[in-house]
Amino acid sequence: MLIDTYGRVATDLRVSLTDRCNLRCTYCMPEEGLQWLAKPDLLTDDEIVRLIDIAVTSLGIEEVRFTGGEPLLRPGLVGIVERVAALEPRPQMSLTTNGIGLKRTAAALKAAGLDRVNVSLDTLRPDVFKTLTRRDRHKDVIEGLHAARDAGLTPVKVNSVLMPGLNDDEAPDLLAWAVEHDYELRFIEQMPLDAQHGWKRDGMITAGDILTSLRSRFELTAEGEEKRGSAPAERWLVDGGPHVVGVIASVTRPFCAACDRTRLTADGQVRTCLFATEETDLRAALRSGAPDEEIARIWRLAMWGKKAGAGLDDPSFVQPDRPMSAIGG
């Protein structure tokens, strides 16, 4: 079991498979990209599967989310999914992706055992997409979403970040589109995880702003905390249901007290929080020949020291050195 001093138990593992990405989203990284991890620093496929095996069989992990960077850029992705699906007990498996490349991989991922996907899409307008991501790939993402739905990677969740002056007027249109195509839309407040440290709380589009915009067109009924559990998104029924919309208010309505996550970076570091400034090295233990029991002990110790919260409301908050692309959202 991965328990901390506040009594929280981690059952959800987020695994970053690569720090690389084929988009250059303005809220994540600079236009020129980043200095990527060297290949020897990355965990191998075998190392990833071994760590997930330890997490599932010895540490109580029930759900595994593959992230990046962009996880579809990992050459061995399908094989990793297939091997994790064969573990006992079998964890639930999902993937967070920008959707580029999903059209050609969705069916193979489903066949390998992947349960569902989260796809990032911030706008319905190709020109705005190009401005936000610095790439002209809007059509590829739309086609990837359709392929995921058709392959049965459901519910297909769409993650959207609203940015002032770019797409902050699109919330109702995005929701109408998601309902039409049977996707579950989730808005995420922009978080301080950009490599260039350009995030400013002043002017950000808040959960309150999003809900006000949505209510101009839809009737929203809160599902309530009991149904939410440890999920990061507060959810609302849209016009009485069955469709729902979620809002992840990491900045204005933090949910740290219910967090059930542990994170593994692409180079084998345990992070107790997306906003953590400290990491615990599992890769060194792996490569020095440590047995599974020792790796599990190191992981438990790391999680025992997890802090109460991210501290985004604290004026002394220090933004993590690693950008979102390196630690997985």
Protein backbone atom coordinates (compact mmCIF):
# COMPACT_ATOMS: atom_id res chain seq x y z
CA MET A 1 0.00 0.00 0.00
CA LEU A 2 1.16 3.54 -0.82
CA ILE A 3 -0.07 5.62 2.11
CA ASP A 4 1.04 9.06 3.29
CA THR A 5 1.03 10.75 6.68
CA TYR A 6 -2.36 12.33 5.92
CA GLY A 7 -4.02 8.96 5.42
CA ARG A 8 -4.34 9.21 1.64
CA VAL A 9 -3.80 5.96 -0.26
CA ALA A 10 -2.46 6.04 -3.82
CA THR A 11 -4.23 3.60 -6.13
CA ASP A 12 -3.76 5.52 -9.40
CA LEU A 13 -0.36 5.47 -11.17
CA ARG A 14 0.49 7.99 -13.89
CA VAL A 15 3.37 6.76 -16.08
CA SER A 16 5.17 9.19 -18.38
CA LEU A 17 6.53 7.20 -21.33
CA THR A 18 8.48 10.03 -22.98
CA ASP A 19 9.21 13.71 -22.50
CA ARG A 20 8.94 14.36 -26.25
CA CYS A 21 5.93 15.90 -27.94
CA ASN A 22 4.96 16.72 -31.53
CA LEU A 23 3.07 19.88 -30.55
CA ARG A 24 4.39 23.08 -28.99
CA CYS A 25 1.41 24.24 -26.92
CA THR A 26 1.94 27.76 -25.63
CA TYR A 27 0.96 26.79 -22.05
CA CYS A 28 3.43 23.89 -21.95
CA MET A 29 6.68 24.62 -23.76
CA PRO A 30 8.54 27.22 -25.84
CA GLU A 31 8.25 27.23 -29.63
CA GLU A 32 11.77 25.87 -30.09
CA GLY A 33 10.99 22.88 -27.89
CA LEU A 34 13.08 21.60 -25.00
CA GLN A 35 16.27 19.68 -24.43
CA TRP A 36 14.94 16.12 -24.49
CA LEU A 37 16.14 13.37 -22.21
CA ALA A 38 18.94 11.25 -23.64
CA LYS A 39 17.84 7.74 -24.61
CA PRO A 40 20.00 6.03 -21.92
CA ASP A 41 18.21 8.13 -19.29
CA LEU A 42 14.78 6.87 -20.32
CA LEU A 43 13.32 3.76 -18.77
CA THR A 44 13.31 0.80 -21.13
CA ASP A 45 10.08 -1.04 -21.94
CA ASP A 46 11.13 -3.86 -19.59
CA GLU A 47 11.87 -1.40 -16.78
CA ILE A 48 8.50 0.32 -17.20
CA VAL A 49 6.62 -2.97 -17.10
CA ARG A 50 8.61 -4.15 -14.08
CA LEU A 51 7.83 -0.99 -12.11
CA ILE A 52 4.15 -1.20 -13.01
CA ASP A 53 4.18 -4.87 -11.97
CA ILE A 54 5.62 -3.92 -8.58
CA ALA A 55 3.06 -1.15 -8.20
CA VAL A 56 0.14 -3.42 -9.06
CA THR A 57 1.14 -6.59 -7.25
CA SER A 58 2.86 -5.12 -4.18
CA LEU A 59 1.66 -1.55 -3.71
CA GLY A 60 -2.08 -1.61 -4.36
CA ILE A 61 -2.19 0.27 -7.67
CA GLU A 62 -5.52 -0.33 -9.43
CA GLU A 63 -5.38 2.10 -12.35
CA VAL A 64 -2.52 2.98 -14.71
CA ARG A 65 -2.59 6.09 -16.93
CA PHE A 66 0.04 6.36 -19.67
CA THR A 67 1.11 9.94 -20.35
CA GLY A 68 4.00 11.90 -21.85
CA GLY A 69 5.06 14.16 -23.37
CA GLU A 70 3.09 12.45 -26.08
CA PRO A 71 2.85 8.72 -25.30
CA LEU A 72 1.99 7.78 -28.89
CA LEU A 73 5.60 8.70 -29.76
CA ARG A 74 6.83 5.77 -27.65
CA PRO A 75 7.73 3.01 -30.16
CA GLY A 76 6.95 0.17 -27.75
CA LEU A 77 3.62 1.55 -26.50
CA VAL A 78 1.34 -1.22 -27.79
CA GLY A 79 3.63 -3.90 -26.38
CA ILE A 80 3.77 -2.18 -22.99
CA VAL A 81 -0.03 -2.01 -22.86
CA GLU A 82 -0.31 -5.67 -23.80
CA ARG A 83 2.13 -6.75 -21.09
CA VAL A 84 0.46 -4.63 -18.40
CA ALA A 85 -2.92 -6.05 -19.41
CA ALA A 86 -1.56 -9.52 -18.62
CA LEU A 87 -0.72 -8.63 -15.00
CA GLU A 88 -2.64 -10.17 -12.11
CA PRO A 89 -4.57 -8.36 -10.84
CA ARG A 90 -5.16 -6.53 -14.11
CA PRO A 91 -5.21 -2.73 -13.64
CA GLN A 92 -7.55 -0.43 -15.51
CA MET A 93 -5.54 1.30 -18.25
CA SER A 94 -6.02 4.66 -19.92
CA LEU A 95 -3.94 6.99 -22.07
CA THR A 96 -3.66 10.78 -22.22
CA THR A 97 -2.73 11.95 -25.71
CA ASN A 98 -2.87 14.94 -28.03
CA GLY A 99 -4.63 12.66 -30.53
CA ILE A 100 -2.11 12.98 -33.33
CA GLY A 101 -1.40 9.43 -34.46
CA LEU A 102 -4.44 8.02 -32.68
CA LYS A 103 -6.22 7.33 -35.95
CA ARG A 104 -3.63 4.70 -36.88
CA THR A 105 -3.11 3.25 -33.39
CA ALA A 106 -6.54 3.24 -31.70
CA ALA A 107 -7.57 -0.23 -32.87
CA ALA A 108 -4.20 -1.78 -31.95
CA LEU A 109 -4.27 -0.18 -28.50
CA LYS A 110 -7.78 -1.49 -27.86
CA ALA A 111 -6.75 -4.98 -28.97
CA ALA A 112 -3.72 -4.82 -26.64
CA GLY A 113 -5.98 -4.10 -23.68
CA LEU A 114 -6.22 -0.32 -23.32
CA ASP A 115 -9.56 0.65 -21.78
CA ARG A 116 -10.00 4.30 -22.74
CA VAL A 117 -8.33 7.57 -23.76
CA ASN A 118 -8.22 11.24 -22.80
CA VAL A 119 -7.53 13.50 -25.77
CA SER A 120 -6.44 17.12 -25.51
CA LEU A 121 -8.33 19.53 -27.76
CA ASP A 122 -8.68 23.18 -26.82
CA THR A 123 -10.57 24.57 -29.79
CA LEU A 124 -12.88 23.69 -32.67
CA ARG A 125 -11.22 26.29 -34.91
CA PRO A 126 -8.22 25.11 -36.94
CA ASP A 127 -6.66 28.58 -37.00
CA VAL A 128 -6.84 28.91 -33.22
CA PHE A 129 -5.46 25.38 -32.85
CA LYS A 130 -2.47 26.38 -34.97
CA THR A 131 -1.89 29.45 -32.81
CA LEU A 132 -2.16 27.49 -29.55
CA THR A 133 -0.07 24.49 -30.60
CA ARG A 134 2.17 26.06 -33.26
CA ARG A 135 1.27 23.12 -35.51
CA ASP A 136 -1.37 22.69 -38.25
CA ARG A 137 -2.72 19.33 -37.02
CA HIS A 138 -6.32 20.04 -36.00
CA LYS A 139 -7.77 17.61 -38.55
CA ASP A 140 -5.53 14.81 -37.27
CA VAL A 141 -6.81 15.26 -33.72
CA ILE A 142 -10.46 15.21 -34.82
CA GLU A 143 -9.85 12.03 -36.83
CA GLY A 144 -8.03 10.50 -33.87
CA LEU A 145 -10.99 11.18 -31.61
CA HIS A 146 -13.38 9.50 -34.02
CA ALA A 147 -11.04 6.50 -34.33
CA ALA A 148 -10.85 6.11 -30.55
CA ARG A 149 -14.63 6.16 -30.23
CA ASP A 150 -15.06 3.69 -33.08
CA ALA A 151 -12.44 1.36 -31.56
CA GLY A 152 -14.32 1.28 -28.26
CA LEU A 153 -11.82 3.25 -26.16
CA THR A 154 -14.72 4.73 -24.25
CA PRO A 155 -15.69 6.90 -22.60
CA VAL A 156 -13.56 9.15 -24.80
CA LYS A 157 -12.72 12.17 -22.66
CA VAL A 158 -11.71 15.48 -24.21
CA ASN A 159 -9.51 17.82 -22.14
CA SER A 160 -9.68 21.53 -22.94
CA VAL A 161 -7.72 24.48 -21.57
CA LEU A 162 -9.17 27.96 -22.18
CA MET A 163 -6.74 30.79 -22.76
CA PRO A 164 -7.59 34.51 -22.54
CA GLY A 165 -8.01 36.17 -25.92
CA LEU A 166 -7.68 32.91 -27.87
CA ASN A 167 -10.41 30.39 -27.12
CA ASP A 168 -12.04 31.73 -23.97
CA ASP A 169 -15.35 32.16 -25.84
CA GLU A 170 -15.55 28.53 -26.99
CA ALA A 171 -16.80 26.72 -23.89
CA PRO A 172 -20.46 26.39 -25.00
CA ASP A 173 -19.49 25.41 -28.56
CA LEU A 174 -17.05 22.78 -27.29
CA LEU A 175 -19.72 21.29 -25.04
CA ALA A 176 -22.36 21.21 -27.79
CA TRP A 177 -19.86 19.46 -30.07
CA ALA A 178 -18.87 16.95 -27.38
CA VAL A 179 -22.50 16.07 -26.70
CA GLU A 180 -23.15 15.63 -30.42
CA HIS A 181 -20.24 13.19 -30.79
CA ASP A 182 -20.72 11.41 -27.45
CA TYR A 183 -17.45 12.59 -25.91
CA GLU A 184 -17.07 13.57 -22.26
CA LEU A 185 -15.70 17.11 -22.12
CA ARG A 186 -13.52 18.29 -19.24
CA PHE A 187 -12.20 21.81 -18.88
CA ILE A 188 -8.88 22.20 -17.05
CA GLU A 189 -7.73 25.44 -15.47
CA GLN A 190 -4.38 26.48 -16.87
CA MET A 191 -1.71 25.34 -14.41
CA PRO A 192 1.80 26.68 -13.67
CA LEU A 193 3.65 23.93 -15.52
CA ASP A 194 5.01 25.78 -18.54
CA ALA A 195 8.72 25.52 -19.23
CA GLN A 196 9.09 29.24 -19.80
CA HIS A 197 7.43 30.08 -16.45
CA GLY A 198 5.04 32.49 -18.12
CA TRP A 199 1.97 31.44 -16.12
CA LYS A 200 0.14 34.24 -14.35
CA ARG A 201 -2.83 33.69 -12.06
CA ASP A 202 -4.19 37.13 -12.88
CA GLY A 203 -6.30 36.86 -16.01
CA MET A 204 -6.53 33.06 -16.11
CA ILE A 205 -9.85 31.51 -17.05
CA THR A 206 -11.21 30.07 -13.81
CA ALA A 207 -13.71 27.30 -13.12
CA GLY A 208 -16.23 29.99 -12.22
CA ASP A 209 -15.71 31.71 -15.58
CA ILE A 210 -16.18 28.41 -17.42
CA LEU A 211 -19.38 27.49 -15.60
CA THR A 212 -20.86 30.96 -16.15
CA SER A 213 -20.16 30.65 -19.88
CA LEU A 214 -21.64 27.14 -20.11
CA ARG A 215 -24.80 28.16 -18.24
CA SER A 216 -25.49 30.77 -20.91
CA ARG A 217 -26.60 27.86 -23.12
CA PHE A 218 -27.01 24.76 -20.94
CA GLU A 219 -28.67 23.76 -17.69
CA LEU A 220 -26.04 22.23 -15.40
CA THR A 221 -26.86 20.04 -12.40
CA ALA A 222 -24.02 19.13 -10.04
CA GLU A 223 -23.42 15.41 -9.53
CA GLY A 224 -22.11 16.03 -6.02
CA GLU A 225 -19.07 15.11 -3.96
CA GLU A 226 -20.25 11.59 -3.14
CA LYS A 227 -20.23 10.58 -6.79
CA ARG A 228 -16.95 12.45 -7.43
CA GLY A 229 -14.84 10.51 -4.94
CA SER A 230 -11.12 11.11 -5.60
CA ALA A 231 -11.63 12.18 -9.22
CA PRO A 232 -10.03 15.55 -10.08
CA ALA A 233 -13.04 16.76 -12.08
CA GLU A 234 -16.21 18.18 -10.60
CA ARG A 235 -18.96 17.00 -12.93
CA TRP A 236 -22.33 18.38 -13.97
CA LEU A 237 -25.22 16.75 -15.81
CA VAL A 238 -25.90 18.63 -19.04
CA ASP A 239 -29.59 19.51 -19.53
CA GLY A 240 -30.60 16.73 -17.16
CA GLY A 241 -28.24 14.09 -18.62
CA PRO A 242 -27.10 11.59 -19.63
CA HIS A 243 -24.16 13.66 -20.91
CA VAL A 244 -21.86 15.26 -18.36
CA VAL A 245 -19.23 17.97 -18.36
CA GLY A 246 -16.34 18.22 -15.94
CA VAL A 247 -14.15 21.03 -14.63
CA ILE A 248 -10.73 20.39 -13.11
CA ALA A 249 -10.06 23.44 -10.96
CA SER A 250 -6.54 22.68 -9.80
CA VAL A 251 -5.81 26.33 -9.04
CA THR A 252 -9.03 27.83 -7.65
CA ARG A 253 -10.62 24.72 -6.11
CA PRO A 254 -7.72 22.37 -5.24
CA PHE A 255 -8.61 18.78 -4.43
CA CYS A 256 -5.36 17.68 -2.79
CA ALA A 257 -7.10 16.22 0.28
CA ALA A 258 -8.64 13.47 -1.87
CA CYS A 259 -5.61 12.79 -4.10
CA ASP A 260 -4.97 9.10 -4.82
CA ARG A 261 -2.13 9.47 -7.36
CA THR A 262 1.51 8.56 -7.63
CA ARG A 263 3.58 9.50 -10.66
CA LEU A 264 6.49 7.93 -12.50
CA THR A 265 8.53 10.11 -14.86
CA ALA A 266 9.99 8.89 -18.14
CA ASP A 267 13.44 8.67 -16.51
CA GLY A 268 12.25 6.63 -13.56
CA GLN A 269 11.62 9.19 -10.82
CA VAL A 270 8.71 8.97 -8.39
CA ARG A 271 6.81 12.22 -8.02
CA THR A 272 4.27 12.44 -5.24
CA CYS A 273 2.49 15.38 -6.88
CA LEU A 274 2.32 17.05 -10.28
CA PHE A 275 3.67 20.20 -8.60
CA ALA A 276 6.35 18.48 -6.51
CA THR A 277 9.83 19.99 -6.48
CA GLU A 278 11.45 16.77 -5.21
CA GLU A 279 11.75 13.32 -6.80
CA THR A 280 12.82 9.84 -5.69
CA ASP A 281 15.01 7.82 -8.03
CA LEU A 282 13.78 4.30 -8.85
CA ARG A 283 15.85 3.96 -12.02
CA ALA A 284 19.11 3.79 -10.05
CA ALA A 285 17.69 1.06 -7.86
CA LEU A 286 16.51 -0.89 -10.90
CA ARG A 287 19.84 -0.67 -12.66
CA SER A 288 21.87 -1.52 -9.56
CA GLY A 289 20.09 -4.87 -9.30
CA ALA A 290 17.77 -4.10 -6.38
CA PRO A 291 15.07 -6.74 -5.81
CA ASP A 292 11.39 -5.88 -6.17
CA GLU A 293 10.97 -5.70 -2.39
CA GLU A 294 13.62 -2.97 -2.10
CA ILE A 295 12.11 -0.94 -4.94
CA ALA A 296 8.70 -1.21 -3.29
CA ARG A 297 10.22 -0.03 0.01
CA ILE A 298 11.77 3.04 -1.66
CA TRP A 299 8.46 3.86 -3.35
CA ARG A 300 6.52 3.53 -0.07
CA LEU A 301 8.98 5.82 1.69
CA ALA A 302 8.66 8.44 -1.06
CA MET A 303 4.87 8.46 -0.81
CA TRP A 304 4.95 8.57 3.00
CA GLY A 305 6.56 12.00 2.68
CA LYS A 306 3.89 13.41 0.34
CA LYS A 307 2.93 16.98 1.26
CA ALA A 308 -0.58 18.02 2.24
CA GLY A 309 -1.16 20.03 -0.93
CA ALA A 310 0.33 21.72 -3.94
CA GLY A 311 0.26 25.14 -2.32
CA LEU A 312 -0.87 27.02 -5.43
CA ASP A 313 -2.67 29.53 -3.23
CA ASP A 314 0.50 30.23 -1.26
CA PRO A 315 2.40 33.34 -2.46
CA SER A 316 5.63 31.44 -1.80
CA PHE A 317 4.67 28.65 -4.24
CA VAL A 318 7.68 27.53 -6.29
CA GLN A 319 6.93 26.27 -9.80
CA PRO A 320 8.49 22.86 -10.54
CA ASP A 321 11.61 22.92 -12.71
CA ARG A 322 10.23 20.25 -15.04
CA PRO A 323 7.58 21.30 -17.56
CA MET A 324 4.35 19.36 -17.98
CA SER A 325 5.80 17.54 -21.00
CA ALA A 326 8.44 15.90 -18.81
CA ILE A 327 6.28 14.73 -15.90
CA GLY A 328 2.97 13.77 -17.45
CA GLY A 329 -0.38 15.40 -16.82
